[in-house]
Amino acid sequence: MDSLISKIVHVTLPRVRDFRGIDQGAIDKSGNLNVGLKEHLVFPEISPEHSKVNFGMQFTLVPKNPIKDMKAAVEFYKKIGIPFKK
């Protein structure tokens, strides 16, 4: 899981056009972080020549222990490297 999050943060998100960070509103009341991508082609392993259909995807990060406080949730996700909008 650590390698997936690292890859999304350091490789995939910088490839998203006009990416400025994830909105803190993407964290729900239980402390889950929901991130959606409009195109699957932002992953470098996927070749546009071989992909006939363009589709989006959504990731949901669920902490092991539910986080009820929004500030604590933001701090937790910042600690693991999630870039938020300023």
PDB file of N, CA and C in Angstrom:
ATOM      1  N   MET A   1       0.823  -1.188   0.000  1.00  0.00           N
ATOM      2  CA  MET A   1       0.000   0.000   0.000  1.00  0.00           C
ATOM      3  C   MET A   1       0.868   1.253   0.000  1.00  0.00           C
ATOM      4  N   ASP A   2       1.969   1.209   0.725  1.00  0.00           N
ATOM      5  CA  ASP A   2       2.856   2.369   0.767  1.00  0.00           C
ATOM      6  C   ASP A   2       3.393   2.698  -0.617  1.00  0.00           C
ATOM      7  N   SER A   3       3.733   1.679  -1.374  1.00  0.00           N
ATOM      8  CA  SER A   3       4.279   1.935  -2.712  1.00  0.00           C
ATOM      9  C   SER A   3       3.218   2.502  -3.643  1.00  0.00           C
ATOM     10  N   LEU A   4       1.965   2.074  -3.496  1.00  0.00           N
ATOM     11  CA  LEU A   4       0.890   2.626  -4.327  1.00  0.00           C
ATOM     12  C   LEU A   4       0.666   4.095  -4.012  1.00  0.00           C
ATOM     13  N   ILE A   5       0.588   4.428  -2.731  1.00  0.00           N
ATOM     14  CA  ILE A   5       0.383   5.832  -2.340  1.00  0.00           C
ATOM     15  C   ILE A   5       1.561   6.680  -2.808  1.00  0.00           C
ATOM     16  N   SER A   6       2.767   6.168  -2.637  1.00  0.00           N
ATOM     17  CA  SER A   6       3.954   6.895  -3.081  1.00  0.00           C
ATOM     18  C   SER A   6       3.926   7.122  -4.581  1.00  0.00           C
ATOM     19  N   LYS A   7       3.534   6.114  -5.330  1.00  0.00           N
ATOM     20  CA  LYS A   7       3.470   6.240  -6.785  1.00  0.00           C
ATOM     21  C   LYS A   7       2.409   7.249  -7.208  1.00  0.00           C
ATOM     22  N   ILE A   8       1.254   7.215  -6.547  1.00  0.00           N
ATOM     23  CA  ILE A   8       0.196   8.169  -6.882  1.00  0.00           C
ATOM     24  C   ILE A   8       0.654   9.591  -6.589  1.00  0.00           C
ATOM     25  N   VAL A   9       1.280   9.799  -5.431  1.00  0.00           N
ATOM     26  CA  VAL A   9       1.693  11.142  -5.015  1.00  0.00           C
ATOM     27  C   VAL A   9       2.859  11.674  -5.847  1.00  0.00           C
ATOM     28  N   HIS A  10       3.869  10.839  -6.096  1.00  0.00           N
ATOM     29  CA  HIS A  10       5.104  11.317  -6.718  1.00  0.00           C
ATOM     30  C   HIS A  10       5.164  11.157  -8.231  1.00  0.00           C
ATOM     31  N   VAL A  11       4.379  10.245  -8.786  1.00  0.00           N
ATOM     32  CA  VAL A  11       4.454   9.999 -10.227  1.00  0.00           C
ATOM     33  C   VAL A  11       3.159  10.377 -10.940  1.00  0.00           C
ATOM     34  N   THR A  12       2.039   9.890 -10.433  1.00  0.00           N
ATOM     35  CA  THR A  12       0.779  10.045 -11.147  1.00  0.00           C
ATOM     36  C   THR A  12       0.184  11.447 -11.021  1.00  0.00           C
ATOM     37  N   LEU A  13       0.047  11.951  -9.804  1.00  0.00           N
ATOM     38  CA  LEU A  13      -0.573  13.275  -9.634  1.00  0.00           C
ATOM     39  C   LEU A  13       0.196  14.388 -10.342  1.00  0.00           C
ATOM     40  N   PRO A  14       1.536  14.392 -10.346  1.00  0.00           N
ATOM     41  CA  PRO A  14       2.222  15.441 -11.107  1.00  0.00           C
ATOM     42  C   PRO A  14       1.955  15.379 -12.619  1.00  0.00           C
ATOM     43  N   ARG A  15       1.505  14.244 -13.123  1.00  0.00           N
ATOM     44  CA  ARG A  15       1.191  14.112 -14.544  1.00  0.00           C
ATOM     45  C   ARG A  15      -0.218  14.611 -14.886  1.00  0.00           C
ATOM     46  N   VAL A  16      -1.034  14.883 -13.861  1.00  0.00           N
ATOM     47  CA  VAL A  16      -2.395  15.376 -14.079  1.00  0.00           C
ATOM     48  C   VAL A  16      -2.307  16.837 -14.512  1.00  0.00           C
ATOM     49  N   ARG A  17      -2.991  17.150 -15.570  1.00  0.00           N
ATOM     50  CA  ARG A  17      -2.968  18.518 -16.108  1.00  0.00           C
ATOM     51  C   ARG A  17      -3.537  19.505 -15.084  1.00  0.00           C
ATOM     52  N   ASP A  18      -2.841  20.601 -14.869  1.00  0.00           N
ATOM     53  CA  ASP A  18      -3.236  21.689 -13.971  1.00  0.00           C
ATOM     54  C   ASP A  18      -3.475  21.228 -12.530  1.00  0.00           C
ATOM     55  N   PHE A  19      -2.706  20.246 -12.074  1.00  0.00           N
ATOM     56  CA  PHE A  19      -2.868  19.762 -10.703  1.00  0.00           C
ATOM     57  C   PHE A  19      -2.277  20.772  -9.735  1.00  0.00           C
ATOM     58  N   ARG A  20      -3.082  21.201  -8.774  1.00  0.00           N
ATOM     59  CA  ARG A  20      -2.649  22.183  -7.776  1.00  0.00           C
ATOM     60  C   ARG A  20      -2.712  21.626  -6.356  1.00  0.00           C
ATOM     61  N   GLY A  21      -3.130  20.379  -6.208  1.00  0.00           N
ATOM     62  CA  GLY A  21      -3.279  19.763  -4.902  1.00  0.00           C
ATOM     63  C   GLY A  21      -4.687  19.222  -4.743  1.00  0.00           C
ATOM     64  N   ILE A  22      -4.854  18.393  -3.741  1.00  0.00           N
ATOM     65  CA  ILE A  22      -6.153  17.794  -3.463  1.00  0.00           C
ATOM     66  C   ILE A  22      -6.915  18.701  -2.511  1.00  0.00           C
ATOM     67  N   ASP A  23      -8.185  18.900  -2.791  1.00  0.00           N
ATOM     68  CA  ASP A  23      -9.038  19.728  -1.957  1.00  0.00           C
ATOM     69  C   ASP A  23      -9.296  19.014  -0.629  1.00  0.00           C
ATOM     70  N   GLN A  24      -9.234  19.737   0.472  1.00  0.00           N
ATOM     71  CA  GLN A  24      -9.472  19.135   1.786  1.00  0.00           C
ATOM     72  C   GLN A  24     -10.914  18.677   1.942  1.00  0.00           C
ATOM     73  N   GLY A  25     -11.792  19.159   1.076  1.00  0.00           N
ATOM     74  CA  GLY A  25     -13.187  18.713   1.078  1.00  0.00           C
ATOM     75  C   GLY A  25     -13.342  17.279   0.598  1.00  0.00           C
ATOM     76  N   ALA A  26     -12.254  16.682   0.109  1.00  0.00           N
ATOM     77  CA  ALA A  26     -12.293  15.289  -0.336  1.00  0.00           C
ATOM     78  C   ALA A  26     -12.246  14.319   0.842  1.00  0.00           C
ATOM     79  N   ILE A  27     -12.105  14.848   2.056  1.00  0.00           N
ATOM     80  CA  ILE A  27     -12.104  14.015   3.258  1.00  0.00           C
ATOM     81  C   ILE A  27     -13.524  14.001   3.815  1.00  0.00           C
ATOM     82  N   ASP A  28     -14.075  12.806   4.023  1.00  0.00           N
ATOM     83  CA  ASP A  28     -15.433  12.714   4.546  1.00  0.00           C
ATOM     84  C   ASP A  28     -15.445  12.715   6.077  1.00  0.00           C
ATOM     85  N   LYS A  29     -16.628  12.548   6.660  1.00  0.00           N
ATOM     86  CA  LYS A  29     -16.790  12.621   8.125  1.00  0.00           C
ATOM     87  C   LYS A  29     -16.042  11.523   8.869  1.00  0.00           C
ATOM     88  N   SER A  30     -15.790  10.411   8.197  1.00  0.00           N
ATOM     89  CA  SER A  30     -15.081   9.298   8.840  1.00  0.00           C
ATOM     90  C   SER A  30     -13.572   9.385   8.672  1.00  0.00           C
ATOM     91  N   GLY A  31     -13.091  10.415   7.990  1.00  0.00           N
ATOM     92  CA  GLY A  31     -11.657  10.569   7.783  1.00  0.00           C
ATOM     93  C   GLY A  31     -11.137   9.867   6.539  1.00  0.00           C
ATOM     94  N   ASN A  32     -12.037   9.380   5.680  1.00  0.00           N
ATOM     95  CA  ASN A  32     -11.627   8.736   4.427  1.00  0.00           C
ATOM     96  C   ASN A  32     -11.325   9.797   3.384  1.00  0.00           C
ATOM     97  N   LEU A  33     -10.291   9.580   2.613  1.00  0.00           N
ATOM     98  CA  LEU A  33      -9.910  10.517   1.554  1.00  0.00           C
ATOM     99  C   LEU A  33     -10.293   9.917   0.209  1.00  0.00           C
ATOM    100  N   ASN A  34     -11.088  10.658  -0.568  1.00  0.00           N
ATOM    101  CA  ASN A  34     -11.540  10.214  -1.889  1.00  0.00           C
ATOM    102  C   ASN A  34     -10.893  11.079  -2.956  1.00  0.00           C
ATOM    103  N   VAL A  35     -10.174  10.440  -3.868  1.00  0.00           N
ATOM    104  CA  VAL A  35      -9.482  11.147  -4.943  1.00  0.00           C
ATOM    105  C   VAL A  35      -9.929  10.543  -6.267  1.00  0.00           C
ATOM    106  N   GLY A  36     -10.388  11.388  -7.161  1.00  0.00           N
ATOM    107  CA  GLY A  36     -10.813  10.923  -8.474  1.00  0.00           C
ATOM    108  C   GLY A  36      -9.892  11.440  -9.555  1.00  0.00           C
ATOM    109  N   LEU A  37      -9.648  10.614 -10.558  1.00  0.00           N
ATOM    110  CA  LEU A  37      -8.861  10.993 -11.724  1.00  0.00           C
ATOM    111  C   LEU A  37      -9.750  10.880 -12.954  1.00  0.00           C
ATOM    112  N   LYS A  38      -9.675  11.856 -13.842  1.00  0.00           N
ATOM    113  CA  LYS A  38     -10.516  11.838 -15.036  1.00  0.00           C
ATOM    114  C   LYS A  38     -10.001  10.886 -16.106  1.00  0.00           C
ATOM    115  N   GLU A  39      -8.693  10.641 -16.100  1.00  0.00           N
ATOM    116  CA  GLU A  39      -8.104   9.775 -17.118  1.00  0.00           C
ATOM    117  C   GLU A  39      -7.195   8.744 -16.466  1.00  0.00           C
ATOM    118  N   HIS A  40      -7.239   7.536 -16.950  1.00  0.00           N
ATOM    119  CA  HIS A  40      -6.332   6.498 -16.457  1.00  0.00           C
ATOM    120  C   HIS A  40      -4.967   6.597 -17.122  1.00  0.00           C
ATOM    121  N   LEU A  41      -4.848   7.423 -18.140  1.00  0.00           N
ATOM    122  CA  LEU A  41      -3.602   7.544 -18.901  1.00  0.00           C
ATOM    123  C   LEU A  41      -2.509   8.313 -18.157  1.00  0.00           C
ATOM    124  N   VAL A  42      -2.803   8.852 -16.968  1.00  0.00           N
ATOM    125  CA  VAL A  42      -1.772   9.551 -16.199  1.00  0.00           C
ATOM    126  C   VAL A  42      -0.782   8.576 -15.581  1.00  0.00           C
ATOM    127  N   PHE A  43      -1.107   7.291 -15.578  1.00  0.00           N
ATOM    128  CA  PHE A  43      -0.156   6.285 -15.121  1.00  0.00           C
ATOM    129  C   PHE A  43       0.823   6.005 -16.250  1.00  0.00           C
ATOM    130  N   PRO A  44       2.124   6.107 -15.978  1.00  0.00           N
ATOM    131  CA  PRO A  44       3.110   5.972 -17.060  1.00  0.00           C
ATOM    132  C   PRO A  44       3.153   4.576 -17.683  1.00  0.00           C
ATOM    133  N   GLU A  45       2.669   3.557 -16.988  1.00  0.00           N
ATOM    134  CA  GLU A  45       2.691   2.198 -17.535  1.00  0.00           C
ATOM    135  C   GLU A  45       1.669   1.996 -18.638  1.00  0.00           C
ATOM    136  N   ILE A  46       0.683   2.864 -18.690  1.00  0.00           N
ATOM    137  CA  ILE A  46      -0.404   2.704 -19.654  1.00  0.00           C
ATOM    138  C   ILE A  46      -0.062   3.476 -20.917  1.00  0.00           C
ATOM    139  N   SER A  47       0.006   2.761 -22.011  1.00  0.00           N
ATOM    140  CA  SER A  47       0.329   3.365 -23.298  1.00  0.00           C
ATOM    141  C   SER A  47      -0.959   3.840 -23.973  1.00  0.00           C
ATOM    142  N   PRO A  48      -1.008   5.104 -24.404  1.00  0.00           N
ATOM    143  CA  PRO A  48      -2.214   5.593 -25.080  1.00  0.00           C
ATOM    144  C   PRO A  48      -2.509   4.837 -26.380  1.00  0.00           C
ATOM    145  N   GLU A  49      -1.473   4.276 -26.998  1.00  0.00           N
ATOM    146  CA  GLU A  49      -1.676   3.549 -28.240  1.00  0.00           C
ATOM    147  C   GLU A  49      -2.412   2.225 -28.011  1.00  0.00           C
ATOM    148  N   HIS A  50      -2.227   1.633 -26.838  1.00  0.00           N
ATOM    149  CA  HIS A  50      -2.838   0.342 -26.550  1.00  0.00           C
ATOM    150  C   HIS A  50      -4.174   0.452 -25.828  1.00  0.00           C
ATOM    151  N   SER A  51      -4.485   1.627 -25.329  1.00  0.00           N
ATOM    152  CA  SER A  51      -5.736   1.828 -24.604  1.00  0.00           C
ATOM    153  C   SER A  51      -6.771   2.398 -25.565  1.00  0.00           C
ATOM    154  N   LYS A  52      -7.791   1.620 -25.844  1.00  0.00           N
ATOM    155  CA  LYS A  52      -8.813   2.044 -26.811  1.00  0.00           C
ATOM    156  C   LYS A  52      -9.875   2.938 -26.178  1.00  0.00           C
ATOM    157  N   VAL A  53     -10.082   2.792 -24.874  1.00  0.00           N
ATOM    158  CA  VAL A  53     -11.124   3.538 -24.177  1.00  0.00           C
ATOM    159  C   VAL A  53     -10.482   4.353 -23.059  1.00  0.00           C
ATOM    160  N   ASN A  54     -10.882   5.606 -22.949  1.00  0.00           N
ATOM    161  CA  ASN A  54     -10.389   6.468 -21.880  1.00  0.00           C
ATOM    162  C   ASN A  54     -11.411   6.457 -20.744  1.00  0.00           C
ATOM    163  N   PHE A  55     -10.973   6.151 -19.542  1.00  0.00           N
ATOM    164  CA  PHE A  55     -11.884   6.132 -18.405  1.00  0.00           C
ATOM    165  C   PHE A  55     -11.209   6.732 -17.183  1.00  0.00           C
ATOM    166  N   GLY A  56     -12.013   7.136 -16.231  1.00  0.00           N
ATOM    167  CA  GLY A  56     -11.509   7.690 -14.984  1.00  0.00           C
ATOM    168  C   GLY A  56     -11.477   6.625 -13.909  1.00  0.00           C
ATOM    169  N   MET A  57     -10.959   7.018 -12.766  1.00  0.00           N
ATOM    170  CA  MET A  57     -10.923   6.098 -11.631  1.00  0.00           C
ATOM    171  C   MET A  57     -10.930   6.898 -10.340  1.00  0.00           C
ATOM    172  N   GLN A  58     -11.324   6.234  -9.281  1.00  0.00           N
ATOM    173  CA  GLN A  58     -11.371   6.875  -7.980  1.00  0.00           C
ATOM    174  C   GLN A  58     -10.660   6.001  -6.964  1.00  0.00           C
ATOM    175  N   PHE A  59      -9.896   6.668  -6.088  1.00  0.00           N
ATOM    176  CA  PHE A  59      -9.201   6.009  -4.993  1.00  0.00           C
ATOM    177  C   PHE A  59      -9.816   6.484  -3.692  1.00  0.00           C
ATOM    178  N   THR A  60      -9.984   5.570  -2.778  1.00  0.00           N
ATOM    179  CA  THR A  60     -10.444   5.924  -1.438  1.00  0.00           C
ATOM    180  C   THR A  60      -9.437   5.385  -0.441  1.00  0.00           C
ATOM    181  N   LEU A  61      -8.840   6.287   0.322  1.00  0.00           N
ATOM    182  CA  LEU A  61      -7.900   5.893   1.376  1.00  0.00           C
ATOM    183  C   LEU A  61      -8.675   5.868   2.690  1.00  0.00           C
ATOM    184  N   VAL A  62      -8.703   4.699   3.319  1.00  0.00           N
ATOM    185  CA  VAL A  62      -9.445   4.511   4.560  1.00  0.00           C
ATOM    186  C   VAL A  62      -8.440   4.235   5.673  1.00  0.00           C
ATOM    187  N   PRO A  63      -8.326   5.136   6.659  1.00  0.00           N
ATOM    188  CA  PRO A  63      -7.389   4.889   7.758  1.00  0.00           C
ATOM    189  C   PRO A  63      -7.853   3.712   8.612  1.00  0.00           C
ATOM    190  N   LYS A  64      -6.902   3.020   9.202  1.00  0.00           N
ATOM    191  CA  LYS A  64      -7.207   1.843  10.020  1.00  0.00           C
ATOM    192  C   LYS A  64      -8.129   2.214  11.181  1.00  0.00           C
ATOM    193  N   ASN A  65      -7.826   3.312  11.839  1.00  0.00           N
ATOM    194  CA  ASN A  65      -8.675   3.819  12.918  1.00  0.00           C
ATOM    195  C   ASN A  65      -9.409   5.048  12.395  1.00  0.00           C
ATOM    196  N   PRO A  66     -10.755   5.061  12.452  1.00  0.00           N
ATOM    197  CA  PRO A  66     -11.506   6.216  11.945  1.00  0.00           C
ATOM    198  C   PRO A  66     -11.069   7.518  12.621  1.00  0.00           C
ATOM    199  N   ILE A  67     -10.973   8.569  11.818  1.00  0.00           N
ATOM    200  CA  ILE A  67     -10.578   9.884  12.320  1.00  0.00           C
ATOM    201  C   ILE A  67     -11.804  10.781  12.258  1.00  0.00           C
ATOM    202  N   LYS A  68     -12.278  11.235  13.402  1.00  0.00           N
ATOM    203  CA  LYS A  68     -13.498  12.057  13.448  1.00  0.00           C
ATOM    204  C   LYS A  68     -13.216  13.542  13.293  1.00  0.00           C
ATOM    205  N   ASP A  69     -12.005  13.983  13.624  1.00  0.00           N
ATOM    206  CA  ASP A  69     -11.650  15.396  13.578  1.00  0.00           C
ATOM    207  C   ASP A  69     -11.027  15.712  12.221  1.00  0.00           C
ATOM    208  N   MET A  70     -11.576  16.683  11.517  1.00  0.00           N
ATOM    209  CA  MET A  70     -11.098  17.043  10.172  1.00  0.00           C
ATOM    210  C   MET A  70      -9.645  17.501  10.216  1.00  0.00           C
ATOM    211  N   LYS A  71      -9.270  18.270  11.215  1.00  0.00           N
ATOM    212  CA  LYS A  71      -7.895  18.760  11.324  1.00  0.00           C
ATOM    213  C   LYS A  71      -6.921  17.601  11.517  1.00  0.00           C
ATOM    214  N   ALA A  72      -7.288  16.631  12.336  1.00  0.00           N
ATOM    215  CA  ALA A  72      -6.442  15.456  12.559  1.00  0.00           C
ATOM    216  C   ALA A  72      -6.317  14.631  11.280  1.00  0.00           C
ATOM    217  N   ALA A  73      -7.400  14.544  10.509  1.00  0.00           N
ATOM    218  CA  ALA A  73      -7.372  13.798   9.245  1.00  0.00           C
ATOM    219  C   ALA A  73      -6.432  14.464   8.248  1.00  0.00           C
ATOM    220  N   VAL A  74      -6.495  15.784   8.146  1.00  0.00           N
ATOM    221  CA  VAL A  74      -5.613  16.516   7.233  1.00  0.00           C
ATOM    222  C   VAL A  74      -4.158  16.319   7.641  1.00  0.00           C
ATOM    223  N   GLU A  75      -3.871  16.406   8.919  1.00  0.00           N
ATOM    224  CA  GLU A  75      -2.502  16.208   9.406  1.00  0.00           C
ATOM    225  C   GLU A  75      -2.007  14.786   9.123  1.00  0.00           C
ATOM    226  N   PHE A  76      -2.888  13.799   9.311  1.00  0.00           N
ATOM    227  CA  PHE A  76      -2.522  12.409   9.022  1.00  0.00           C
ATOM    228  C   PHE A  76      -2.148  12.243   7.551  1.00  0.00           C
ATOM    229  N   TYR A  77      -2.978  12.767   6.656  1.00  0.00           N
ATOM    230  CA  TYR A  77      -2.708  12.611   5.222  1.00  0.00           C
ATOM    231  C   TYR A  77      -1.486  13.420   4.781  1.00  0.00           C
ATOM    232  N   LYS A  78      -1.262  14.570   5.387  1.00  0.00           N
ATOM    233  CA  LYS A  78      -0.042  15.325   5.093  1.00  0.00           C
ATOM    234  C   LYS A  78       1.201  14.549   5.517  1.00  0.00           C
ATOM    235  N   LYS A  79       1.096  13.850   6.644  1.00  0.00           N
ATOM    236  CA  LYS A  79       2.220  13.050   7.150  1.00  0.00           C
ATOM    237  C   LYS A  79       2.605  11.935   6.183  1.00  0.00           C
ATOM    238  N   ILE A  80       1.617  11.347   5.517  1.00  0.00           N
ATOM    239  CA  ILE A  80       1.927  10.277   4.578  1.00  0.00           C
ATOM    240  C   ILE A  80       2.226  10.798   3.176  1.00  0.00           C
ATOM    241  N   GLY A  81       2.216  12.144   3.015  1.00  0.00           N
ATOM    242  CA  GLY A  81       2.676  12.737   1.767  1.00  0.00           C
ATOM    243  C   GLY A  81       1.624  13.203   0.800  1.00  0.00           C
ATOM    244  N   ILE A  82       0.379  13.251   1.192  1.00  0.00           N
ATOM    245  CA  ILE A  82      -0.702  13.689   0.297  1.00  0.00           C
ATOM    246  C   ILE A  82      -0.613  15.215   0.142  1.00  0.00           C
ATOM    247  N   PRO A  83      -0.529  15.710  -1.110  1.00  0.00           N
ATOM    248  CA  PRO A  83      -0.452  17.158  -1.318  1.00  0.00           C
ATOM    249  C   PRO A  83      -1.853  17.789  -1.348  1.00  0.00           C
ATOM    250  N   PHE A  84      -2.075  18.743  -0.467  1.00  0.00           N
ATOM    251  CA  PHE A  84      -3.361  19.453  -0.420  1.00  0.00           C
ATOM    252  C   PHE A  84      -3.203  20.841  -1.025  1.00  0.00           C
ATOM    253  N   LYS A  85      -4.331  21.393  -1.483  1.00  0.00           N
ATOM    254  CA  LYS A  85      -4.344  22.778  -1.978  1.00  0.00           C
ATOM    255  C   LYS A  85      -4.019  23.692  -0.820  1.00  0.00           C
ATOM    256  N   LYS A  86      -3.374  24.793  -1.146  1.00  0.00           N
ATOM    257  CA  LYS A  86      -3.013  25.767  -0.104  1.00  0.00           C
ATOM    258  C   LYS A  86      -4.143  26.690   0.184  1.00  0.00           C
TER     259      LYS A  86
END
